Amino acid sequence: MDAFEELASRTSQPFCQVTTALANAEAAQRVATSAVSARLAACAQVSGPVTSTYWWRGAVESATEWIVTFKTTVERYPALEKHLRDEHPYDVPEILCLPIVAGSPAYLDWVATETRG
C-alpha cells in the first residue's frame, strides 16, 4: 500500500489540502489557475511571499517563494499530483497532501461538486 492509499484508507473524510511552493507569484498563479481549470481542485489560494530555508545539494539555501494551497478530494489527489509534477519548474517540488478531518458540510459539498469535472 503506498502513502496515498494509506491516507485514503485512514481518513473518514474524503477531502484533502495540497500545498506546493513556487519561485514567483506569476508561476504560483499559473499553477493555481491550471489546476482549478482542470477541476483537480475546487480552490487554490496563493500566499506569499514567504522565505524558505532548506538543504539543497549539500548546503543550506534560502529563497523567496509563494505557497499554493489546493482544496480537493482524496479521489482527485493523484491527478492533481501528476499535474503539479508536470507543470512545476522545480527539480524536486514540494507536493504535500494533508487530510481534512473536519469542515463545514456546505463547503465540503462544494469541494466535492467542483472537482467532479
PDB file of N, CA and C in Angstrom:
ATOM      1  N   MET A   1       0.857  -1.177   0.000  1.00  0.00           N
ATOM      2  CA  MET A   1       0.000   0.000   0.000  1.00  0.00           C
ATOM      3  C   MET A   1       0.906   1.243   0.000  1.00  0.00           C
ATOM      4  N   ASP A   2       0.701   2.149  -0.976  1.00  0.00           N
ATOM      5  CA  ASP A   2       1.506   3.364  -0.995  1.00  0.00           C
ATOM      6  C   ASP A   2       0.923   4.398  -0.030  1.00  0.00           C
ATOM      7  N   ALA A   3       1.621   5.515   0.134  1.00  0.00           N
ATOM      8  CA  ALA A   3       1.223   6.534   1.106  1.00  0.00           C
ATOM      9  C   ALA A   3      -0.161   7.091   0.798  1.00  0.00           C
ATOM     10  N   PHE A   4      -0.468   7.286  -0.479  1.00  0.00           N
ATOM     11  CA  PHE A   4      -1.789   7.803  -0.843  1.00  0.00           C
ATOM     12  C   PHE A   4      -2.883   6.825  -0.453  1.00  0.00           C
ATOM     13  N   GLU A   5      -2.696   5.551  -0.762  1.00  0.00           N
ATOM     14  CA  GLU A   5      -3.708   4.549  -0.419  1.00  0.00           C
ATOM     15  C   GLU A   5      -3.887   4.453   1.092  1.00  0.00           C
ATOM     16  N   GLU A   6      -2.781   4.582   1.831  1.00  0.00           N
ATOM     17  CA  GLU A   6      -2.867   4.563   3.285  1.00  0.00           C
ATOM     18  C   GLU A   6      -3.674   5.763   3.789  1.00  0.00           C
ATOM     19  N   LEU A   7      -3.395   6.945   3.242  1.00  0.00           N
ATOM     20  CA  LEU A   7      -4.159   8.137   3.621  1.00  0.00           C
ATOM     21  C   LEU A   7      -5.636   7.938   3.330  1.00  0.00           C
ATOM     22  N   ALA A   8      -5.960   7.459   2.151  1.00  0.00           N
ATOM     23  CA  ALA A   8      -7.351   7.263   1.761  1.00  0.00           C
ATOM     24  C   ALA A   8      -8.043   6.272   2.679  1.00  0.00           C
ATOM     25  N   SER A   9      -7.329   5.245   3.133  1.00  0.00           N
ATOM     26  CA  SER A   9      -7.958   4.238   3.982  1.00  0.00           C
ATOM     27  C   SER A   9      -8.101   4.697   5.433  1.00  0.00           C
ATOM     28  N   ARG A  10      -7.277   5.658   5.873  1.00  0.00           N
ATOM     29  CA  ARG A  10      -7.302   6.094   7.268  1.00  0.00           C
ATOM     30  C   ARG A  10      -8.253   7.244   7.535  1.00  0.00           C
ATOM     31  N   THR A  11      -8.584   8.013   6.552  1.00  0.00           N
ATOM     32  CA  THR A  11      -9.396   9.201   6.788  1.00  0.00           C
ATOM     33  C   THR A  11     -10.876   8.904   6.617  1.00  0.00           C
ATOM     34  N   SER A  12     -11.674   9.493   7.500  1.00  0.00           N
ATOM     35  CA  SER A  12     -13.121   9.325   7.382  1.00  0.00           C
ATOM     36  C   SER A  12     -13.712  10.360   6.426  1.00  0.00           C
ATOM     37  N   GLN A  13     -12.950  11.391   6.139  1.00  0.00           N
ATOM     38  CA  GLN A  13     -13.397  12.423   5.208  1.00  0.00           C
ATOM     39  C   GLN A  13     -12.635  12.240   3.891  1.00  0.00           C
ATOM     40  N   PRO A  14     -13.324  12.312   2.798  1.00  0.00           N
ATOM     41  CA  PRO A  14     -12.649  12.123   1.507  1.00  0.00           C
ATOM     42  C   PRO A  14     -12.052  13.415   0.935  1.00  0.00           C
ATOM     43  N   PHE A  15     -11.604  14.319   1.811  1.00  0.00           N
ATOM     44  CA  PHE A  15     -11.089  15.609   1.369  1.00  0.00           C
ATOM     45  C   PHE A  15      -9.663  15.803   1.849  1.00  0.00           C
ATOM     46  N   CYS A  16      -8.906  16.605   1.083  1.00  0.00           N
ATOM     47  CA  CYS A  16      -7.530  16.897   1.478  1.00  0.00           C
ATOM     48  C   CYS A  16      -7.149  18.302   1.026  1.00  0.00           C
ATOM     49  N   GLN A  17      -6.057  18.765   1.608  1.00  0.00           N
ATOM     50  CA  GLN A  17      -5.470  20.050   1.255  1.00  0.00           C
ATOM     51  C   GLN A  17      -4.064  19.745   0.752  1.00  0.00           C
ATOM     52  N   VAL A  18      -3.714  20.296  -0.387  1.00  0.00           N
ATOM     53  CA  VAL A  18      -2.426  20.021  -1.019  1.00  0.00           C
ATOM     54  C   VAL A  18      -1.673  21.344  -1.126  1.00  0.00           C
ATOM     55  N   THR A  19      -0.378  21.312  -0.776  1.00  0.00           N
ATOM     56  CA  THR A  19       0.425  22.531  -0.884  1.00  0.00           C
ATOM     57  C   THR A  19       1.643  22.301  -1.760  1.00  0.00           C
ATOM     58  N   THR A  20       2.053  23.390  -2.388  1.00  0.00           N
ATOM     59  CA  THR A  20       3.303  23.426  -3.139  1.00  0.00           C
ATOM     60  C   THR A  20       3.865  24.833  -3.017  1.00  0.00           C
ATOM     61  N   ALA A  21       5.134  24.990  -3.357  1.00  0.00           N
ATOM     62  CA  ALA A  21       5.785  26.298  -3.310  1.00  0.00           C
ATOM     63  C   ALA A  21       6.436  26.566  -4.657  1.00  0.00           C
ATOM     64  N   LEU A  22       6.345  27.821  -5.087  1.00  0.00           N
ATOM     65  CA  LEU A  22       6.933  28.228  -6.372  1.00  0.00           C
ATOM     66  C   LEU A  22       7.743  29.497  -6.187  1.00  0.00           C
ATOM     67  N   ALA A  23       8.632  29.764  -7.142  1.00  0.00           N
ATOM     68  CA  ALA A  23       9.616  30.838  -7.015  1.00  0.00           C
ATOM     69  C   ALA A  23       9.067  32.245  -7.193  1.00  0.00           C
ATOM     70  N   ASN A  24       7.905  32.382  -7.826  1.00  0.00           N
ATOM     71  CA  ASN A  24       7.371  33.731  -8.006  1.00  0.00           C
ATOM     72  C   ASN A  24       5.843  33.693  -8.077  1.00  0.00           C
ATOM     73  N   ALA A  25       5.239  34.851  -7.916  1.00  0.00           N
ATOM     74  CA  ALA A  25       3.780  34.956  -7.868  1.00  0.00           C
ATOM     75  C   ALA A  25       3.144  34.537  -9.190  1.00  0.00           C
ATOM     76  N   GLU A  26       3.772  34.849 -10.300  1.00  0.00           N
ATOM     77  CA  GLU A  26       3.209  34.508 -11.604  1.00  0.00           C
ATOM     78  C   GLU A  26       3.141  32.997 -11.802  1.00  0.00           C
ATOM     79  N   ALA A  27       4.214  32.305 -11.454  1.00  0.00           N
ATOM     80  CA  ALA A  27       4.222  30.837 -11.577  1.00  0.00           C
ATOM     81  C   ALA A  27       3.197  30.214 -10.645  1.00  0.00           C
ATOM     82  N   ALA A  28       3.091  30.749  -9.435  1.00  0.00           N
ATOM     83  CA  ALA A  28       2.122  30.233  -8.470  1.00  0.00           C
ATOM     84  C   ALA A  28       0.701  30.406  -9.000  1.00  0.00           C
ATOM     85  N   GLN A  29       0.392  31.576  -9.542  1.00  0.00           N
ATOM     86  CA  GLN A  29      -0.949  31.822 -10.067  1.00  0.00           C
ATOM     87  C   GLN A  29      -1.238  30.954 -11.290  1.00  0.00           C
ATOM     88  N   ARG A  30      -0.231  30.748 -12.121  1.00  0.00           N
ATOM     89  CA  ARG A  30      -0.406  29.895 -13.306  1.00  0.00           C
ATOM     90  C   ARG A  30      -0.762  28.470 -12.904  1.00  0.00           C
ATOM     91  N   VAL A  31      -0.049  27.908 -11.937  1.00  0.00           N
ATOM     92  CA  VAL A  31      -0.318  26.546 -11.473  1.00  0.00           C
ATOM     93  C   VAL A  31      -1.668  26.478 -10.766  1.00  0.00           C
ATOM     94  N   ALA A  32      -1.989  27.490  -9.982  1.00  0.00           N
ATOM     95  CA  ALA A  32      -3.293  27.532  -9.300  1.00  0.00           C
ATOM     96  C   ALA A  32      -4.424  27.534 -10.319  1.00  0.00           C
ATOM     97  N   THR A  33      -4.318  28.398 -11.308  1.00  0.00           N
ATOM     98  CA  THR A  33      -5.370  28.517 -12.322  1.00  0.00           C
ATOM     99  C   THR A  33      -5.490  27.248 -13.161  1.00  0.00           C
ATOM    100  N   SER A  34      -4.373  26.670 -13.556  1.00  0.00           N
ATOM    101  CA  SER A  34      -4.448  25.473 -14.399  1.00  0.00           C
ATOM    102  C   SER A  34      -5.061  24.301 -13.649  1.00  0.00           C
ATOM    103  N   ALA A  35      -4.757  24.143 -12.381  1.00  0.00           N
ATOM    104  CA  ALA A  35      -5.323  23.032 -11.601  1.00  0.00           C
ATOM    105  C   ALA A  35      -6.823  23.216 -11.365  1.00  0.00           C
ATOM    106  N   VAL A  36      -7.238  24.433 -11.041  1.00  0.00           N
ATOM    107  CA  VAL A  36      -8.671  24.685 -10.831  1.00  0.00           C
ATOM    108  C   VAL A  36      -9.421  24.570 -12.153  1.00  0.00           C
ATOM    109  N   SER A  37      -8.851  25.087 -13.233  1.00  0.00           N
ATOM    110  CA  SER A  37      -9.499  24.991 -14.548  1.00  0.00           C
ATOM    111  C   SER A  37      -9.707  23.537 -14.962  1.00  0.00           C
ATOM    112  N   ALA A  38      -8.776  22.668 -14.589  1.00  0.00           N
ATOM    113  CA  ALA A  38      -8.877  21.240 -14.907  1.00  0.00           C
ATOM    114  C   ALA A  38      -9.760  20.489 -13.908  1.00  0.00           C
ATOM    115  N   ARG A  39     -10.320  21.201 -12.943  1.00  0.00           N
ATOM    116  CA  ARG A  39     -11.183  20.624 -11.895  1.00  0.00           C
ATOM    117  C   ARG A  39     -10.446  19.603 -11.039  1.00  0.00           C
ATOM    118  N   LEU A  40      -9.148  19.805 -10.894  1.00  0.00           N
ATOM    119  CA  LEU A  40      -8.359  18.974  -9.997  1.00  0.00           C
ATOM    120  C   LEU A  40      -8.454  19.475  -8.565  1.00  0.00           C
ATOM    121  N   ALA A  41      -8.869  20.713  -8.414  1.00  0.00           N
ATOM    122  CA  ALA A  41      -9.105  21.334  -7.110  1.00  0.00           C
ATOM    123  C   ALA A  41     -10.270  22.290  -7.261  1.00  0.00           C
ATOM    124  N   ALA A  42     -11.034  22.445  -6.189  1.00  0.00           N
ATOM    125  CA  ALA A  42     -12.154  23.391  -6.207  1.00  0.00           C
ATOM    126  C   ALA A  42     -11.650  24.808  -5.993  1.00  0.00           C
ATOM    127  N   CYS A  43     -10.526  24.917  -5.311  1.00  0.00           N
ATOM    128  CA  CYS A  43      -9.997  26.220  -4.926  1.00  0.00           C
ATOM    129  C   CYS A  43      -8.485  26.117  -4.820  1.00  0.00           C
ATOM    130  N   ALA A  44      -7.810  27.198  -5.157  1.00  0.00           N
ATOM    131  CA  ALA A  44      -6.361  27.291  -4.953  1.00  0.00           C
ATOM    132  C   ALA A  44      -6.072  28.688  -4.436  1.00  0.00           C
ATOM    133  N   GLN A  45      -5.393  28.758  -3.320  1.00  0.00           N
ATOM    134  CA  GLN A  45      -5.048  30.040  -2.719  1.00  0.00           C
ATOM    135  C   GLN A  45      -3.553  30.255  -2.818  1.00  0.00           C
ATOM    136  N   VAL A  46      -3.164  31.427  -3.314  1.00  0.00           N
ATOM    137  CA  VAL A  46      -1.750  31.791  -3.436  1.00  0.00           C
ATOM    138  C   VAL A  46      -1.416  32.732  -2.291  1.00  0.00           C
ATOM    139  N   SER A  47      -0.394  32.370  -1.515  1.00  0.00           N
ATOM    140  CA  SER A  47       0.063  33.185  -0.388  1.00  0.00           C
ATOM    141  C   SER A  47       1.540  33.483  -0.566  1.00  0.00           C
ATOM    142  N   GLY A  48       1.927  34.644  -0.115  1.00  0.00           N
ATOM    143  CA  GLY A  48       3.351  34.955  -0.166  1.00  0.00           C
ATOM    144  C   GLY A  48       3.577  36.443  -0.270  1.00  0.00           C
ATOM    145  N   PRO A  49       4.784  36.805  -0.330  1.00  0.00           N
ATOM    146  CA  PRO A  49       5.954  35.935  -0.342  1.00  0.00           C
ATOM    147  C   PRO A  49       6.272  35.397   1.056  1.00  0.00           C
ATOM    148  N   VAL A  50       6.939  34.249   1.060  1.00  0.00           N
ATOM    149  CA  VAL A  50       7.472  33.641   2.275  1.00  0.00           C
ATOM    150  C   VAL A  50       8.950  33.370   2.040  1.00  0.00           C
ATOM    151  N   THR A  51       9.700  33.279   3.114  1.00  0.00           N
ATOM    152  CA  THR A  51      11.110  32.913   2.998  1.00  0.00           C
ATOM    153  C   THR A  51      11.250  31.461   3.407  1.00  0.00           C
ATOM    154  N   SER A  52      11.773  30.647   2.515  1.00  0.00           N
ATOM    155  CA  SER A  52      12.013  29.232   2.783  1.00  0.00           C
ATOM    156  C   SER A  52      13.509  29.018   2.988  1.00  0.00           C
ATOM    157  N   THR A  53      13.849  28.247   3.992  1.00  0.00           N
ATOM    158  CA  THR A  53      15.235  27.869   4.253  1.00  0.00           C
ATOM    159  C   THR A  53      15.281  26.352   4.226  1.00  0.00           C
ATOM    160  N   TYR A  54      16.239  25.789   3.467  1.00  0.00           N
ATOM    161  CA  TYR A  54      16.235  24.348   3.224  1.00  0.00           C
ATOM    162  C   TYR A  54      17.632  23.873   2.816  1.00  0.00           C
ATOM    163  N   TRP A  55      17.834  22.560   2.943  1.00  0.00           N
ATOM    164  CA  TRP A  55      19.047  21.936   2.431  1.00  0.00           C
ATOM    165  C   TRP A  55      18.861  21.675   0.946  1.00  0.00           C
ATOM    166  N   TRP A  56      19.856  22.017   0.144  1.00  0.00           N
ATOM    167  CA  TRP A  56      19.824  21.700  -1.279  1.00  0.00           C
ATOM    168  C   TRP A  56      21.249  21.493  -1.757  1.00  0.00           C
ATOM    169  N   ARG A  57      21.517  20.298  -2.258  1.00  0.00           N
ATOM    170  CA  ARG A  57      22.826  19.946  -2.818  1.00  0.00           C
ATOM    171  C   ARG A  57      23.968  20.214  -1.838  1.00  0.00           C
ATOM    172  N   GLY A  58      23.733  19.800  -0.587  1.00  0.00           N
ATOM    173  CA  GLY A  58      24.779  19.853   0.430  1.00  0.00           C
ATOM    174  C   GLY A  58      24.969  21.172   1.135  1.00  0.00           C
ATOM    175  N   ALA A  59      24.094  22.148   0.884  1.00  0.00           N
ATOM    176  CA  ALA A  59      24.243  23.453   1.523  1.00  0.00           C
ATOM    177  C   ALA A  59      22.878  23.979   1.967  1.00  0.00           C
ATOM    178  N   VAL A  60      22.902  24.835   2.965  1.00  0.00           N
ATOM    179  CA  VAL A  60      21.672  25.500   3.399  1.00  0.00           C
ATOM    180  C   VAL A  60      21.426  26.677   2.471  1.00  0.00           C
ATOM    181  N   GLU A  61      20.230  26.724   1.915  1.00  0.00           N
ATOM    182  CA  GLU A  61      19.825  27.779   0.978  1.00  0.00           C
ATOM    183  C   GLU A  61      18.619  28.516   1.561  1.00  0.00           C
ATOM    184  N   SER A  62      18.382  29.711   1.091  1.00  0.00           N
ATOM    185  CA  SER A  62      17.165  30.466   1.401  1.00  0.00           C
ATOM    186  C   SER A  62      16.637  31.050   0.109  1.00  0.00           C
ATOM    187  N   ALA A  63      15.321  31.101   0.001  1.00  0.00           N
ATOM    188  CA  ALA A  63      14.705  31.652  -1.205  1.00  0.00           C
ATOM    189  C   ALA A  63      13.353  32.248  -0.856  1.00  0.00           C
ATOM    190  N   THR A  64      12.945  33.203  -1.646  1.00  0.00           N
ATOM    191  CA  THR A  64      11.599  33.752  -1.544  1.00  0.00           C
ATOM    192  C   THR A  64      10.699  32.894  -2.412  1.00  0.00           C
ATOM    193  N   GLU A  65       9.572  32.465  -1.850  1.00  0.00           N
ATOM    194  CA  GLU A  65       8.642  31.609  -2.576  1.00  0.00           C
ATOM    195  C   GLU A  65       7.208  32.054  -2.314  1.00  0.00           C
ATOM    196  N   TRP A  66       6.304  31.518  -3.132  1.00  0.00           N
ATOM    197  CA  TRP A  66       4.878  31.697  -2.964  1.00  0.00           C
ATOM    198  C   TRP A  66       4.274  30.314  -2.749  1.00  0.00           C
ATOM    199  N   ILE A  67       3.360  30.211  -1.804  1.00  0.00           N
ATOM    200  CA  ILE A  67       2.721  28.948  -1.459  1.00  0.00           C
ATOM    201  C   ILE A  67       1.362  28.875  -2.144  1.00  0.00           C
ATOM    202  N   VAL A  68       1.067  27.731  -2.740  1.00  0.00           N
ATOM    203  CA  VAL A  68      -0.261  27.491  -3.299  1.00  0.00           C
ATOM    204  C   VAL A  68      -0.890  26.361  -2.493  1.00  0.00           C
ATOM    205  N   THR A  69      -2.089  26.620  -1.985  1.00  0.00           N
ATOM    206  CA  THR A  69      -2.840  25.641  -1.202  1.00  0.00           C
ATOM    207  C   THR A  69      -4.099  25.285  -1.983  1.00  0.00           C
ATOM    208  N   PHE A  70      -4.242  24.009  -2.293  1.00  0.00           N
ATOM    209  CA  PHE A  70      -5.372  23.496  -3.067  1.00  0.00           C
ATOM    210  C   PHE A  70      -6.342  22.771  -2.135  1.00  0.00           C
ATOM    211  N   LYS A  71      -7.642  22.951  -2.351  1.00  0.00           N
ATOM    212  CA  LYS A  71      -8.668  22.167  -1.667  1.00  0.00           C
ATOM    213  C   LYS A  71      -9.238  21.199  -2.686  1.00  0.00           C
ATOM    214  N   THR A  72      -9.185  19.907  -2.356  1.00  0.00           N
ATOM    215  CA  THR A  72      -9.624  18.899  -3.304  1.00  0.00           C
ATOM    216  C   THR A  72     -10.128  17.670  -2.575  1.00  0.00           C
ATOM    217  N   THR A  73     -10.412  16.629  -3.332  1.00  0.00           N
ATOM    218  CA  THR A  73     -10.827  15.363  -2.744  1.00  0.00           C
ATOM    219  C   THR A  73      -9.666  14.376  -2.793  1.00  0.00           C
ATOM    220  N   VAL A  74      -9.695  13.410  -1.901  1.00  0.00           N
ATOM    221  CA  VAL A  74      -8.683  12.365  -1.907  1.00  0.00           C
ATOM    222  C   VAL A  74      -8.698  11.643  -3.255  1.00  0.00           C
ATOM    223  N   GLU A  75      -9.876  11.474  -3.814  1.00  0.00           N
ATOM    224  CA  GLU A  75     -10.003  10.815  -5.124  1.00  0.00           C
ATOM    225  C   GLU A  75      -9.271  11.583  -6.230  1.00  0.00           C
ATOM    226  N   ARG A  76      -9.289  12.915  -6.187  1.00  0.00           N
ATOM    227  CA  ARG A  76      -8.652  13.728  -7.230  1.00  0.00           C
ATOM    228  C   ARG A  76      -7.162  13.968  -6.989  1.00  0.00           C
ATOM    229  N   TYR A  77      -6.685  13.603  -5.774  1.00  0.00           N
ATOM    230  CA  TYR A  77      -5.286  13.870  -5.449  1.00  0.00           C
ATOM    231  C   TYR A  77      -4.294  13.287  -6.456  1.00  0.00           C
ATOM    232  N   PRO A  78      -4.393  12.021  -6.861  1.00  0.00           N
ATOM    233  CA  PRO A  78      -3.381  11.504  -7.803  1.00  0.00           C
ATOM    234  C   PRO A  78      -3.285  12.327  -9.091  1.00  0.00           C
ATOM    235  N   ALA A  79      -4.408  12.764  -9.619  1.00  0.00           N
ATOM    236  CA  ALA A  79      -4.374  13.575 -10.842  1.00  0.00           C
ATOM    237  C   ALA A  79      -3.781  14.956 -10.561  1.00  0.00           C
ATOM    238  N   LEU A  80      -4.093  15.527  -9.397  1.00  0.00           N
ATOM    239  CA  LEU A  80      -3.517  16.826  -9.037  1.00  0.00           C
ATOM    240  C   LEU A  80      -2.008  16.687  -8.850  1.00  0.00           C
ATOM    241  N   GLU A  81      -1.564  15.640  -8.179  1.00  0.00           N
ATOM    242  CA  GLU A  81      -0.128  15.427  -8.002  1.00  0.00           C
ATOM    243  C   GLU A  81       0.570  15.313  -9.358  1.00  0.00           C
ATOM    244  N   LYS A  82       0.008  14.547 -10.276  1.00  0.00           N
ATOM    245  CA  LYS A  82       0.599  14.410 -11.611  1.00  0.00           C
ATOM    246  C   LYS A  82       0.668  15.768 -12.309  1.00  0.00           C
ATOM    247  N   HIS A  83      -0.416  16.532 -12.218  1.00  0.00           N
ATOM    248  CA  HIS A  83      -0.465  17.861 -12.830  1.00  0.00           C
ATOM    249  C   HIS A  83       0.650  18.747 -12.259  1.00  0.00           C
ATOM    250  N   LEU A  84       0.805  18.729 -10.942  1.00  0.00           N
ATOM    251  CA  LEU A  84       1.837  19.560 -10.320  1.00  0.00           C
ATOM    252  C   LEU A  84       3.233  19.106 -10.742  1.00  0.00           C
ATOM    253  N   ARG A  85       3.460  17.817 -10.807  1.00  0.00           N
ATOM    254  CA  ARG A  85       4.772  17.319 -11.261  1.00  0.00           C
ATOM    255  C   ARG A  85       5.047  17.745 -12.703  1.00  0.00           C
ATOM    256  N   ASP A  86       4.024  17.696 -13.552  1.00  0.00           N
ATOM    257  CA  ASP A  86       4.182  18.080 -14.958  1.00  0.00           C
ATOM    258  C   ASP A  86       4.399  19.579 -15.138  1.00  0.00           C
ATOM    259  N   GLU A  87       3.732  20.385 -14.331  1.00  0.00           N
ATOM    260  CA  GLU A  87       3.749  21.843 -14.506  1.00  0.00           C
ATOM    261  C   GLU A  87       4.803  22.555 -13.665  1.00  0.00           C
ATOM    262  N   HIS A  88       5.327  21.900 -12.659  1.00  0.00           N
ATOM    263  CA  HIS A  88       6.215  22.561 -11.701  1.00  0.00           C
ATOM    264  C   HIS A  88       7.623  22.696 -12.259  1.00  0.00           C
ATOM    265  N   PRO A  89       8.239  23.869 -12.131  1.00  0.00           N
ATOM    266  CA  PRO A  89       9.582  24.059 -12.667  1.00  0.00           C
ATOM    267  C   PRO A  89      10.708  23.509 -11.780  1.00  0.00           C
ATOM    268  N   TYR A  90      10.436  23.189 -10.516  1.00  0.00           N
ATOM    269  CA  TYR A  90      11.492  22.717  -9.617  1.00  0.00           C
ATOM    270  C   TYR A  90      11.879  21.274  -9.938  1.00  0.00           C
ATOM    271  N   ASP A  91      13.145  20.930  -9.696  1.00  0.00           N
ATOM    272  CA  ASP A  91      13.611  19.551  -9.844  1.00  0.00           C
ATOM    273  C   ASP A  91      12.907  18.630  -8.843  1.00  0.00           C
ATOM    274  N   VAL A  92      12.750  19.114  -7.613  1.00  0.00           N
ATOM    275  CA  VAL A  92      12.105  18.352  -6.548  1.00  0.00           C
ATOM    276  C   VAL A  92      11.038  19.249  -5.919  1.00  0.00           C
ATOM    277  N   PRO A  93       9.855  19.303  -6.515  1.00  0.00           N
ATOM    278  CA  PRO A  93       8.829  20.200  -5.982  1.00  0.00           C
ATOM    279  C   PRO A  93       8.236  19.693  -4.677  1.00  0.00           C
ATOM    280  N   GLU A  94       7.907  20.631  -3.822  1.00  0.00           N
ATOM    281  CA  GLU A  94       7.124  20.307  -2.624  1.00  0.00           C
ATOM    282  C   GLU A  94       5.710  19.996  -3.087  1.00  0.00           C
ATOM    283  N   ILE A  95       5.239  18.808  -2.787  1.00  0.00           N
ATOM    284  CA  ILE A  95       3.837  18.446  -3.015  1.00  0.00           C
ATOM    285  C   ILE A  95       3.420  17.669  -1.778  1.00  0.00           C
ATOM    286  N   LEU A  96       2.670  18.321  -0.906  1.00  0.00           N
ATOM    287  CA  LEU A  96       2.237  17.712   0.344  1.00  0.00           C
ATOM    288  C   LEU A  96       0.723  17.604   0.364  1.00  0.00           C
ATOM    289  N   CYS A  97       0.235  16.437   0.755  1.00  0.00           N
ATOM    290  CA  CYS A  97      -1.199  16.174   0.834  1.00  0.00           C
ATOM    291  C   CYS A  97      -1.558  15.906   2.290  1.00  0.00           C
ATOM    292  N   LEU A  98      -2.425  16.732   2.836  1.00  0.00           N
ATOM    293  CA  LEU A  98      -2.843  16.598   4.228  1.00  0.00           C
ATOM    294  C   LEU A  98      -4.342  16.340   4.292  1.00  0.00           C
ATOM    295  N   PRO A  99      -4.769  15.379   5.095  1.00  0.00           N
ATOM    296  CA  PRO A  99      -6.198  15.097   5.170  1.00  0.00           C
ATOM    297  C   PRO A  99      -6.940  16.220   5.875  1.00  0.00           C
ATOM    298  N   ILE A 100      -8.138  16.480   5.425  1.00  0.00           N
ATOM    299  CA  ILE A 100      -9.052  17.385   6.114  1.00  0.00           C
ATOM    300  C   ILE A 100      -9.929  16.491   6.978  1.00  0.00           C
ATOM    301  N   VAL A 101      -9.804  16.610   8.279  1.00  0.00           N
ATOM    302  CA  VAL A 101     -10.523  15.709   9.175  1.00  0.00           C
ATOM    303  C   VAL A 101     -11.905  16.217   9.545  1.00  0.00           C
ATOM    304  N   ALA A 102     -12.160  17.503   9.340  1.00  0.00           N
ATOM    305  CA  ALA A 102     -13.484  18.072   9.597  1.00  0.00           C
ATOM    306  C   ALA A 102     -13.577  19.388   8.848  1.00  0.00           C
ATOM    307  N   GLY A 103     -14.814  19.808   8.598  1.00  0.00           N
ATOM    308  CA  GLY A 103     -15.017  21.074   7.919  1.00  0.00           C
ATOM    309  C   GLY A 103     -16.493  21.374   7.782  1.00  0.00           C
ATOM    310  N   SER A 104     -16.775  22.555   7.331  1.00  0.00           N
ATOM    311  CA  SER A 104     -18.154  22.960   7.100  1.00  0.00           C
ATOM    312  C   SER A 104     -18.770  22.026   6.060  1.00  0.00           C
ATOM    313  N   PRO A 105     -19.890  21.374   6.388  1.00  0.00           N
ATOM    314  CA  PRO A 105     -20.506  20.462   5.414  1.00  0.00           C
ATOM    315  C   PRO A 105     -20.824  21.139   4.082  1.00  0.00           C
ATOM    316  N   ALA A 106     -21.308  22.368   4.116  1.00  0.00           N
ATOM    317  CA  ALA A 106     -21.638  23.060   2.866  1.00  0.00           C
ATOM    318  C   ALA A 106     -20.369  23.300   2.032  1.00  0.00           C
ATOM    319  N   TYR A 107     -19.269  23.681   2.679  1.00  0.00           N
ATOM    320  CA  TYR A 107     -18.019  23.917   1.961  1.00  0.00           C
ATOM    321  C   TYR A 107     -17.496  22.612   1.367  1.00  0.00           C
ATOM    322  N   LEU A 108     -17.499  21.543   2.144  1.00  0.00           N
ATOM    323  CA  LEU A 108     -17.001  20.263   1.651  1.00  0.00           C
ATOM    324  C   LEU A 108     -17.883  19.719   0.530  1.00  0.00           C
ATOM    325  N   ASP A 109     -19.190  19.953   0.600  1.00  0.00           N
ATOM    326  CA  ASP A 109     -20.075  19.577  -0.514  1.00  0.00           C
ATOM    327  C   ASP A 109     -19.686  20.343  -1.774  1.00  0.00           C
ATOM    328  N   TRP A 110     -19.367  21.622  -1.613  1.00  0.00           N
ATOM    329  CA  TRP A 110     -18.935  22.446  -2.738  1.00  0.00           C
ATOM    330  C   TRP A 110     -17.634  21.903  -3.336  1.00  0.00           C
ATOM    331  N   VAL A 111     -16.662  21.538  -2.485  1.00  0.00           N
ATOM    332  CA  VAL A 111     -15.404  20.971  -2.973  1.00  0.00           C
ATOM    333  C   VAL A 111     -15.689  19.704  -3.788  1.00  0.00           C
ATOM    334  N   ALA A 112     -16.544  18.843  -3.258  1.00  0.00           N
ATOM    335  CA  ALA A 112     -16.882  17.593  -3.961  1.00  0.00           C
ATOM    336  C   ALA A 112     -17.528  17.878  -5.304  1.00  0.00           C
ATOM    337  N   THR A 113     -18.457  18.811  -5.332  1.00  0.00           N
ATOM    338  CA  THR A 113     -19.167  19.145  -6.577  1.00  0.00           C
ATOM    339  C   THR A 113     -18.219  19.720  -7.621  1.00  0.00           C
ATOM    340  N   GLU A 114     -17.360  20.632  -7.225  1.00  0.00           N
ATOM    341  CA  GLU A 114     -16.497  21.328  -8.171  1.00  0.00           C
ATOM    342  C   GLU A 114     -15.329  20.494  -8.684  1.00  0.00           C
ATOM    343  N   THR A 115     -15.040  19.389  -8.042  1.00  0.00           N
ATOM    344  CA  THR A 115     -13.935  18.552  -8.500  1.00  0.00           C
ATOM    345  C   THR A 115     -14.428  17.312  -9.253  1.00  0.00           C
ATOM    346  N   ARG A 116     -15.714  17.204  -9.453  1.00  0.00           N
ATOM    347  CA  ARG A 116     -16.249  16.062 -10.209  1.00  0.00           C
ATOM    348  C   ARG A 116     -15.958  16.170 -11.691  1.00  0.00           C
ATOM    349  N   GLY A 117     -15.749  17.371 -12.176  1.00  0.00           N
ATOM    350  CA  GLY A 117     -15.465  17.555 -13.606  1.00  0.00           C
ATOM    351  C   GLY A 117     -16.740  17.592 -14.350  1.00  0.00           C
TER     352      GLY A 117
END
